[in-house]
């Protein structure tokens, strides 16, 4: 969509002016005069039809609304990753849980990984217990991923 002004109006001798209670074919000079009277811009809607279709509206407001609609469409959830170790202190665990809840409230998915190192690999049930402690505090949908590394995917509950 573009704005028609005095310099580029020569290529359109007549235009179809559409809008609130208006649908008529007028000379482009008449359409420009109406736009100036109302303090609006003359925006080209379609130049493929005969005569071209124009509308009286605020062009900057139109661009702002299009930008706002585009940014809403692009909002998607990210996958955040939190790594824990079995020997984590209670305060550090509460900090990690706070971050997880913040991510879930924003609509992001969280991947919680419990890494087992060295002799910790002999007791993988401790990792599951730690994940159960985390998921019991956080309100979300949980899915465990099987494998040598204990992983849980947390998704926000849709209300």
N, C-alpha and C. Protein backbone atom coordinates (compact mmCIF):
# COMPACT_ATOMS: atom_id res chain seq x y z
N UNK A 1 0.85 -1.16 0.00
CA UNK A 1 0.00 0.00 0.00
C UNK A 1 0.90 1.23 0.00
N UNK A 2 0.52 2.23 -0.76
CA UNK A 2 1.31 3.45 -0.83
C UNK A 2 0.39 4.66 -0.76
N UNK A 3 0.99 5.79 -0.50
CA UNK A 3 0.24 7.04 -0.41
C UNK A 3 0.30 7.74 -1.75
N UNK A 4 -0.85 8.23 -2.18
CA UNK A 4 -0.91 9.02 -3.41
C UNK A 4 -0.85 10.49 -3.02
N UNK A 5 0.08 11.22 -3.64
CA UNK A 5 0.18 12.66 -3.39
C UNK A 5 0.20 13.39 -4.72
N UNK A 6 0.43 14.66 -4.69
CA UNK A 6 0.38 15.47 -5.92
C UNK A 6 1.40 15.01 -6.97
N UNK A 7 2.56 14.54 -6.54
CA UNK A 7 3.60 14.19 -7.51
C UNK A 7 3.30 12.89 -8.24
N UNK A 8 2.76 11.90 -7.58
CA UNK A 8 2.50 10.64 -8.27
C UNK A 8 1.03 10.46 -8.65
N UNK A 9 0.22 11.51 -8.52
CA UNK A 9 -1.19 11.40 -8.86
C UNK A 9 -1.44 11.49 -10.36
N UNK A 10 -0.44 11.90 -11.13
CA UNK A 10 -0.64 12.09 -12.58
C UNK A 10 -0.90 10.77 -13.30
N UNK A 11 -0.42 9.66 -12.73
CA UNK A 11 -0.61 8.38 -13.42
C UNK A 11 -2.02 7.82 -13.23
N UNK A 12 -2.82 8.43 -12.34
CA UNK A 12 -4.19 7.98 -12.12
C UNK A 12 -5.16 9.12 -12.40
N UNK A 13 -5.79 9.15 -13.59
CA UNK A 13 -6.72 10.25 -13.86
C UNK A 13 -7.98 10.17 -13.00
N UNK A 14 -8.51 8.94 -12.83
CA UNK A 14 -9.69 8.74 -11.99
C UNK A 14 -9.42 7.59 -11.05
N UNK A 15 -10.04 7.66 -9.87
CA UNK A 15 -9.87 6.60 -8.87
C UNK A 15 -11.21 6.25 -8.27
N UNK A 16 -11.31 5.03 -7.76
CA UNK A 16 -12.51 4.63 -7.02
C UNK A 16 -12.22 4.88 -5.55
N UNK A 17 -12.95 5.81 -4.96
CA UNK A 17 -12.77 6.19 -3.58
C UNK A 17 -13.71 5.34 -2.73
N UNK A 18 -13.12 4.54 -1.82
CA UNK A 18 -13.93 3.69 -0.94
C UNK A 18 -13.65 4.07 0.50
N UNK A 19 -14.60 3.78 1.36
CA UNK A 19 -14.45 4.09 2.78
C UNK A 19 -15.80 4.03 3.44
N UNK A 20 -15.89 4.70 4.58
CA UNK A 20 -17.15 4.73 5.31
C UNK A 20 -18.19 5.50 4.50
N UNK A 21 -19.23 4.83 4.10
CA UNK A 21 -20.35 5.41 3.35
C UNK A 21 -19.92 6.05 2.03
N UNK A 22 -18.77 5.69 1.50
CA UNK A 22 -18.29 6.25 0.24
C UNK A 22 -17.86 5.10 -0.66
N UNK A 23 -18.38 5.10 -1.91
CA UNK A 23 -17.95 4.16 -2.93
C UNK A 23 -18.28 4.78 -4.27
N UNK A 24 -17.37 5.63 -4.75
CA UNK A 24 -17.67 6.34 -5.99
C UNK A 24 -16.39 6.57 -6.79
N UNK A 25 -16.57 6.79 -8.07
CA UNK A 25 -15.45 7.08 -8.95
C UNK A 25 -15.34 8.60 -9.08
N UNK A 26 -14.15 9.13 -8.73
CA UNK A 26 -13.94 10.58 -8.74
C UNK A 26 -12.58 10.86 -9.39
N UNK A 27 -12.37 12.08 -9.87
CA UNK A 27 -11.03 12.44 -10.34
C UNK A 27 -10.04 12.44 -9.17
N UNK A 28 -8.79 12.17 -9.47
CA UNK A 28 -7.80 12.06 -8.41
C UNK A 28 -7.60 13.39 -7.68
N UNK A 29 -7.79 14.50 -8.36
CA UNK A 29 -7.66 15.81 -7.71
C UNK A 29 -8.75 16.00 -6.65
N UNK A 30 -9.97 15.52 -6.96
CA UNK A 30 -11.08 15.59 -6.00
C UNK A 30 -10.78 14.73 -4.78
N UNK A 31 -10.24 13.53 -5.00
CA UNK A 31 -9.90 12.64 -3.90
C UNK A 31 -8.80 13.25 -3.02
N UNK A 32 -7.81 13.87 -3.64
CA UNK A 32 -6.75 14.52 -2.87
C UNK A 32 -7.29 15.70 -2.06
N UNK A 33 -8.23 16.45 -2.64
CA UNK A 33 -8.83 17.58 -1.93
C UNK A 33 -9.59 17.09 -0.70
N UNK A 34 -10.35 15.99 -0.86
CA UNK A 34 -11.09 15.44 0.29
C UNK A 34 -10.14 14.95 1.38
N UNK A 35 -9.04 14.36 0.97
CA UNK A 35 -8.06 13.87 1.94
C UNK A 35 -7.46 15.03 2.74
N UNK A 36 -7.16 16.13 2.05
CA UNK A 36 -6.60 17.30 2.74
C UNK A 36 -7.62 17.92 3.68
N UNK A 37 -8.89 17.96 3.28
CA UNK A 37 -9.94 18.52 4.13
C UNK A 37 -10.09 17.73 5.42
N UNK A 38 -10.00 16.42 5.32
CA UNK A 38 -10.19 15.56 6.49
C UNK A 38 -8.89 15.33 7.26
N UNK A 39 -7.78 15.79 6.72
CA UNK A 39 -6.50 15.61 7.40
C UNK A 39 -6.00 14.18 7.34
N UNK A 40 -6.35 13.47 6.29
CA UNK A 40 -5.94 12.07 6.12
C UNK A 40 -5.08 11.92 4.87
N UNK A 41 -4.58 10.71 4.67
CA UNK A 41 -3.80 10.41 3.48
C UNK A 41 -4.67 9.65 2.48
N UNK A 42 -4.32 9.77 1.22
CA UNK A 42 -4.99 9.01 0.16
C UNK A 42 -4.15 7.78 -0.12
N UNK A 43 -4.62 6.63 0.33
CA UNK A 43 -3.84 5.39 0.25
C UNK A 43 -4.34 4.53 -0.90
N UNK A 44 -3.41 4.06 -1.70
CA UNK A 44 -3.73 3.20 -2.82
C UNK A 44 -3.95 1.79 -2.31
N UNK A 45 -5.15 1.24 -2.51
CA UNK A 45 -5.47 -0.11 -2.07
C UNK A 45 -5.13 -1.11 -3.15
N UNK A 46 -5.58 -0.82 -4.38
CA UNK A 46 -5.31 -1.73 -5.49
C UNK A 46 -5.15 -0.92 -6.77
N UNK A 47 -4.00 -1.10 -7.41
CA UNK A 47 -3.79 -0.40 -8.67
C UNK A 47 -4.04 -1.33 -9.86
N UNK A 48 -4.41 -2.56 -9.61
CA UNK A 48 -4.65 -3.53 -10.69
C UNK A 48 -6.05 -3.40 -11.28
N UNK A 49 -6.98 -2.84 -10.53
CA UNK A 49 -8.34 -2.69 -11.05
C UNK A 49 -8.43 -1.40 -11.87
N UNK A 50 -9.51 -1.26 -12.61
CA UNK A 50 -9.73 -0.07 -13.41
C UNK A 50 -11.03 0.57 -12.96
N UNK A 51 -11.04 1.73 -12.46
CA UNK A 51 -9.94 2.59 -12.02
C UNK A 51 -9.33 2.07 -10.71
N UNK A 52 -8.14 2.54 -10.35
CA UNK A 52 -7.49 2.09 -9.12
C UNK A 52 -8.33 2.44 -7.89
N UNK A 53 -8.25 1.58 -6.88
CA UNK A 53 -9.04 1.77 -5.66
C UNK A 53 -8.17 2.47 -4.62
N UNK A 54 -8.73 3.55 -4.03
CA UNK A 54 -8.03 4.30 -2.98
C UNK A 54 -8.94 4.46 -1.77
N UNK A 55 -8.31 4.75 -0.64
CA UNK A 55 -9.06 4.91 0.61
C UNK A 55 -8.48 6.09 1.37
N UNK A 56 -9.35 6.83 2.05
CA UNK A 56 -8.92 7.92 2.92
C UNK A 56 -8.64 7.36 4.30
N UNK A 57 -7.37 7.43 4.74
CA UNK A 57 -7.03 6.95 6.06
C UNK A 57 -5.67 7.49 6.47
N UNK A 58 -5.34 7.34 7.75
CA UNK A 58 -4.06 7.79 8.27
C UNK A 58 -3.03 6.70 7.95
N UNK A 59 -2.07 7.01 7.09
CA UNK A 59 -1.11 6.00 6.61
C UNK A 59 -0.18 5.53 7.72
N UNK A 60 0.28 6.43 8.58
CA UNK A 60 1.18 6.04 9.66
C UNK A 60 0.47 5.12 10.65
N UNK A 61 -0.80 5.38 10.90
CA UNK A 61 -1.57 4.51 11.79
C UNK A 61 -1.73 3.13 11.16
N UNK A 62 -1.93 3.08 9.86
CA UNK A 62 -2.05 1.81 9.15
C UNK A 62 -0.75 1.01 9.25
N UNK A 63 0.39 1.67 9.04
CA UNK A 63 1.68 0.99 9.15
C UNK A 63 1.91 0.47 10.56
N UNK A 64 1.53 1.25 11.56
CA UNK A 64 1.68 0.84 12.96
C UNK A 64 0.85 -0.41 13.25
N UNK A 65 -0.39 -0.42 12.79
CA UNK A 65 -1.27 -1.57 13.03
C UNK A 65 -0.75 -2.82 12.32
N UNK A 66 -0.22 -2.66 11.10
CA UNK A 66 0.34 -3.81 10.38
C UNK A 66 1.56 -4.35 11.11
N UNK A 67 2.39 -3.46 11.61
CA UNK A 67 3.59 -3.88 12.34
C UNK A 67 3.21 -4.61 13.63
N UNK A 68 2.21 -4.09 14.32
CA UNK A 68 1.74 -4.69 15.56
C UNK A 68 1.15 -6.08 15.30
N UNK A 69 0.35 -6.22 14.23
CA UNK A 69 -0.23 -7.52 13.90
C UNK A 69 0.86 -8.52 13.51
N UNK A 70 1.87 -8.05 12.81
CA UNK A 70 2.96 -8.93 12.41
C UNK A 70 3.75 -9.41 13.62
N UNK A 71 3.98 -8.54 14.59
CA UNK A 71 4.74 -8.95 15.78
C UNK A 71 3.94 -9.93 16.62
N UNK A 72 2.62 -9.82 16.64
CA UNK A 72 1.79 -10.78 17.38
C UNK A 72 1.86 -12.15 16.73
N UNK A 73 1.89 -12.19 15.40
CA UNK A 73 1.96 -13.47 14.69
C UNK A 73 3.28 -14.17 14.93
N UNK A 74 4.36 -13.42 15.12
CA UNK A 74 5.67 -14.01 15.24
C UNK A 74 5.97 -14.50 16.64
N UNK A 75 5.10 -14.22 17.59
CA UNK A 75 5.35 -14.67 18.96
C UNK A 75 5.21 -16.18 19.00
N UNK A 76 6.31 -16.84 19.35
CA UNK A 76 6.29 -18.29 19.47
C UNK A 76 7.05 -18.67 20.73
N UNK A 77 6.84 -19.89 21.14
CA UNK A 77 7.50 -20.33 22.36
C UNK A 77 8.90 -20.83 22.05
N UNK A 78 9.79 -20.58 22.96
CA UNK A 78 11.15 -21.04 22.83
C UNK A 78 11.35 -22.26 23.72
N UNK A 79 12.42 -22.97 23.47
CA UNK A 79 12.79 -24.08 24.32
C UNK A 79 13.96 -23.62 25.18
N UNK A 80 13.69 -23.44 26.47
CA UNK A 80 14.73 -23.04 27.41
C UNK A 80 15.31 -24.30 28.04
N UNK A 81 16.57 -24.24 28.42
CA UNK A 81 17.23 -25.40 28.98
C UNK A 81 17.82 -25.06 30.35
N UNK A 82 17.49 -25.91 31.33
CA UNK A 82 18.02 -25.77 32.69
C UNK A 82 18.76 -27.05 33.02
N UNK A 83 19.99 -26.93 33.49
CA UNK A 83 20.79 -28.10 33.86
C UNK A 83 20.94 -28.15 35.36
N UNK A 84 20.75 -29.34 35.91
CA UNK A 84 20.86 -29.57 37.35
C UNK A 84 21.89 -30.66 37.60
N UNK A 85 22.43 -30.66 38.80
CA UNK A 85 23.28 -31.75 39.26
C UNK A 85 22.64 -32.33 40.50
N UNK A 86 22.95 -33.58 40.80
CA UNK A 86 22.30 -34.26 41.91
C UNK A 86 22.61 -33.58 43.24
N UNK A 87 23.81 -33.09 43.42
CA UNK A 87 24.22 -32.51 44.69
C UNK A 87 23.94 -31.01 44.76
N UNK A 88 22.83 -30.56 44.21
CA UNK A 88 22.49 -29.14 44.21
C UNK A 88 21.94 -28.76 45.59
N UNK A 89 22.30 -27.58 46.07
CA UNK A 89 21.79 -27.14 47.38
C UNK A 89 20.33 -26.70 47.23
N UNK A 90 19.64 -26.64 48.38
CA UNK A 90 18.21 -26.29 48.36
C UNK A 90 17.98 -24.88 47.83
N UNK A 91 18.83 -23.93 48.22
CA UNK A 91 18.65 -22.56 47.75
C UNK A 91 18.87 -22.45 46.25
N UNK A 92 19.89 -23.13 45.76
CA UNK A 92 20.15 -23.10 44.31
C UNK A 92 19.01 -23.75 43.55
N UNK A 93 18.46 -24.82 44.11
CA UNK A 93 17.33 -25.50 43.48
C UNK A 93 16.11 -24.58 43.44
N UNK A 94 15.87 -23.83 44.51
CA UNK A 94 14.74 -22.90 44.53
C UNK A 94 14.93 -21.79 43.49
N UNK A 95 16.17 -21.36 43.28
CA UNK A 95 16.45 -20.36 42.25
C UNK A 95 16.15 -20.92 40.87
N UNK A 96 16.56 -22.15 40.62
CA UNK A 96 16.29 -22.79 39.32
C UNK A 96 14.79 -22.98 39.12
N UNK A 97 14.07 -23.36 40.17
CA UNK A 97 12.62 -23.54 40.08
C UNK A 97 11.95 -22.19 39.78
N UNK A 98 12.45 -21.12 40.37
CA UNK A 98 11.92 -19.78 40.08
C UNK A 98 12.11 -19.42 38.61
N UNK A 99 13.28 -19.75 38.06
CA UNK A 99 13.51 -19.49 36.63
C UNK A 99 12.58 -20.33 35.77
N UNK A 100 12.38 -21.58 36.15
CA UNK A 100 11.50 -22.46 35.38
C UNK A 100 10.08 -21.91 35.37
N UNK A 101 9.56 -21.49 36.52
CA UNK A 101 8.20 -20.95 36.56
C UNK A 101 8.09 -19.67 35.75
N UNK A 102 9.13 -18.84 35.77
CA UNK A 102 9.12 -17.61 34.96
C UNK A 102 9.04 -17.94 33.47
N UNK A 103 9.83 -18.92 33.04
CA UNK A 103 9.80 -19.32 31.63
C UNK A 103 8.44 -19.89 31.24
N UNK A 104 7.87 -20.72 32.12
CA UNK A 104 6.58 -21.32 31.80
C UNK A 104 5.46 -20.28 31.76
N UNK A 105 5.53 -19.27 32.62
CA UNK A 105 4.52 -18.21 32.60
C UNK A 105 4.58 -17.41 31.31
N UNK A 106 5.78 -17.27 30.75
CA UNK A 106 5.93 -16.57 29.47
C UNK A 106 5.45 -17.41 28.30
N UNK A 107 5.21 -18.70 28.52
CA UNK A 107 4.74 -19.57 27.44
C UNK A 107 5.83 -20.39 26.80
N UNK A 108 7.04 -20.37 27.37
CA UNK A 108 8.15 -21.14 26.81
C UNK A 108 8.13 -22.56 27.36
N UNK A 109 8.70 -23.47 26.61
CA UNK A 109 8.90 -24.83 27.08
C UNK A 109 10.26 -24.89 27.76
N UNK A 110 10.38 -25.77 28.76
CA UNK A 110 11.63 -25.87 29.51
C UNK A 110 12.11 -27.32 29.47
N UNK A 111 13.36 -27.47 29.14
CA UNK A 111 14.01 -28.77 29.12
C UNK A 111 14.92 -28.83 30.33
N UNK A 112 14.61 -29.73 31.29
CA UNK A 112 15.39 -29.86 32.51
C UNK A 112 16.27 -31.10 32.36
N UNK A 113 17.57 -30.90 32.51
CA UNK A 113 18.54 -31.99 32.35
C UNK A 113 19.25 -32.20 33.68
N UNK A 114 19.29 -33.46 34.11
CA UNK A 114 20.06 -33.80 35.31
C UNK A 114 21.26 -34.60 34.83
N UNK A 115 22.42 -34.02 34.98
CA UNK A 115 23.66 -34.66 34.54
C UNK A 115 24.22 -35.51 35.67
N UNK A 116 24.62 -36.72 35.32
CA UNK A 116 25.26 -37.63 36.26
C UNK A 116 26.72 -37.77 35.86
N UNK A 117 27.61 -37.55 36.81
CA UNK A 117 29.04 -37.61 36.51
C UNK A 117 29.71 -38.65 37.41
N UNK A 118 30.60 -39.39 36.80
CA UNK A 118 31.40 -40.36 37.55
C UNK A 118 30.57 -41.41 38.25
N UNK A 119 30.76 -41.50 39.57
CA UNK A 119 30.05 -42.52 40.35
C UNK A 119 28.58 -42.22 40.54
N UNK A 120 28.16 -40.99 40.20
CA UNK A 120 26.73 -40.65 40.29
C UNK A 120 25.91 -41.50 39.33
N UNK A 121 26.53 -42.00 38.28
CA UNK A 121 25.82 -42.82 37.28
C UNK A 121 25.34 -44.14 37.86
N UNK A 122 25.89 -44.55 39.00
CA UNK A 122 25.48 -45.81 39.61
C UNK A 122 24.10 -45.72 40.22
N UNK A 123 23.60 -44.52 40.48
CA UNK A 123 22.27 -44.36 41.10
C UNK A 123 21.43 -43.36 40.30
N UNK A 124 20.91 -43.79 39.13
CA UNK A 124 20.10 -42.87 38.32
C UNK A 124 18.75 -42.55 38.96
N UNK A 125 18.32 -43.33 39.94
CA UNK A 125 17.04 -43.04 40.59
C UNK A 125 17.10 -41.72 41.37
N UNK A 126 18.29 -41.31 41.81
CA UNK A 126 18.44 -40.02 42.49
C UNK A 126 18.10 -38.87 41.55
N UNK A 127 18.43 -39.03 40.26
CA UNK A 127 18.10 -38.00 39.28
C UNK A 127 16.59 -37.91 39.09
N UNK A 128 15.92 -39.05 39.05
CA UNK A 128 14.46 -39.05 38.91
C UNK A 128 13.79 -38.40 40.13
N UNK A 129 14.35 -38.69 41.31
CA UNK A 129 13.81 -38.09 42.54
C UNK A 129 13.96 -36.57 42.50
N UNK A 130 15.10 -36.10 42.02
CA UNK A 130 15.32 -34.66 41.91
C UNK A 130 14.33 -34.03 40.93
N UNK A 131 14.11 -34.68 39.80
CA UNK A 131 13.13 -34.17 38.82
C UNK A 131 11.72 -34.18 39.40
N UNK A 132 11.39 -35.18 40.18
CA UNK A 132 10.06 -35.21 40.81
C UNK A 132 9.91 -34.07 41.81
N UNK A 133 11.00 -33.72 42.52
CA UNK A 133 10.95 -32.57 43.44
C UNK A 133 10.66 -31.29 42.67
N UNK A 134 11.30 -31.16 41.51
CA UNK A 134 11.10 -29.95 40.70
C UNK A 134 9.68 -29.91 40.15
N UNK A 135 9.21 -31.00 39.57
CA UNK A 135 7.90 -31.00 38.92
C UNK A 135 6.74 -30.97 39.93
N UNK A 136 7.00 -31.38 41.19
CA UNK A 136 5.93 -31.30 42.19
C UNK A 136 5.64 -29.84 42.57
N UNK A 137 6.64 -28.98 42.46
CA UNK A 137 6.47 -27.57 42.82
C UNK A 137 5.88 -26.78 41.65
N UNK A 138 6.30 -27.12 40.43
CA UNK A 138 5.91 -26.36 39.24
C UNK A 138 4.62 -26.95 38.65
N UNK A 139 3.68 -26.07 38.30
CA UNK A 139 2.43 -26.51 37.67
C UNK A 139 2.62 -26.52 36.16
N UNK A 140 2.76 -27.72 35.59
CA UNK A 140 3.00 -27.83 34.15
C UNK A 140 2.74 -29.25 33.70
N UNK A 141 2.82 -29.45 32.40
CA UNK A 141 2.69 -30.77 31.80
C UNK A 141 4.10 -31.33 31.64
N UNK A 142 4.32 -32.55 32.17
CA UNK A 142 5.66 -33.12 32.21
C UNK A 142 5.73 -34.34 31.30
N UNK A 143 6.81 -34.45 30.56
CA UNK A 143 7.09 -35.67 29.80
C UNK A 143 8.56 -36.00 29.97
N UNK A 144 8.82 -37.23 30.40
CA UNK A 144 10.19 -37.68 30.64
C UNK A 144 10.74 -38.29 29.36
N UNK A 145 12.02 -38.04 29.09
CA UNK A 145 12.68 -38.58 27.92
C UNK A 145 13.60 -39.70 28.39
N UNK A 146 13.40 -40.92 27.89
CA UNK A 146 14.26 -42.01 28.33
C UNK A 146 15.66 -41.88 27.74
N UNK A 147 16.64 -42.41 28.46
CA UNK A 147 18.01 -42.38 27.97
C UNK A 147 19.00 -42.33 29.11
N UNK A 148 20.28 -42.30 28.78
CA UNK A 148 21.30 -42.29 29.82
C UNK A 148 21.32 -40.98 30.63
N UNK A 149 20.95 -39.89 30.02
CA UNK A 149 20.85 -38.62 30.73
C UNK A 149 19.38 -38.42 31.08
N UNK A 150 19.10 -38.06 32.32
CA UNK A 150 17.72 -37.88 32.75
C UNK A 150 17.23 -36.51 32.29
N UNK A 151 16.19 -36.52 31.43
CA UNK A 151 15.68 -35.28 30.84
C UNK A 151 14.17 -35.24 31.04
N UNK A 152 13.66 -34.06 31.38
CA UNK A 152 12.21 -33.83 31.47
C UNK A 152 11.88 -32.61 30.64
N UNK A 153 10.82 -32.71 29.84
CA UNK A 153 10.32 -31.57 29.07
C UNK A 153 9.08 -31.03 29.80
N UNK A 154 9.12 -29.77 30.16
CA UNK A 154 8.02 -29.13 30.87
C UNK A 154 7.34 -28.16 29.92
N UNK A 155 6.03 -28.30 29.82
CA UNK A 155 5.25 -27.41 28.95
C UNK A 155 4.23 -26.67 29.80
N UNK A 156 3.96 -25.40 29.48
CA UNK A 156 2.98 -24.66 30.26
C UNK A 156 1.58 -25.24 30.07
N UNK A 157 0.79 -25.19 31.14
CA UNK A 157 -0.58 -25.66 31.07
C UNK A 157 -1.41 -24.56 30.44
N UNK A 158 -2.12 -24.88 29.38
CA UNK A 158 -2.93 -23.87 28.68
C UNK A 158 -4.26 -23.72 29.40
N UNK A 159 -4.58 -22.46 29.72
CA UNK A 159 -5.81 -22.19 30.46
C UNK A 159 -6.89 -21.75 29.51
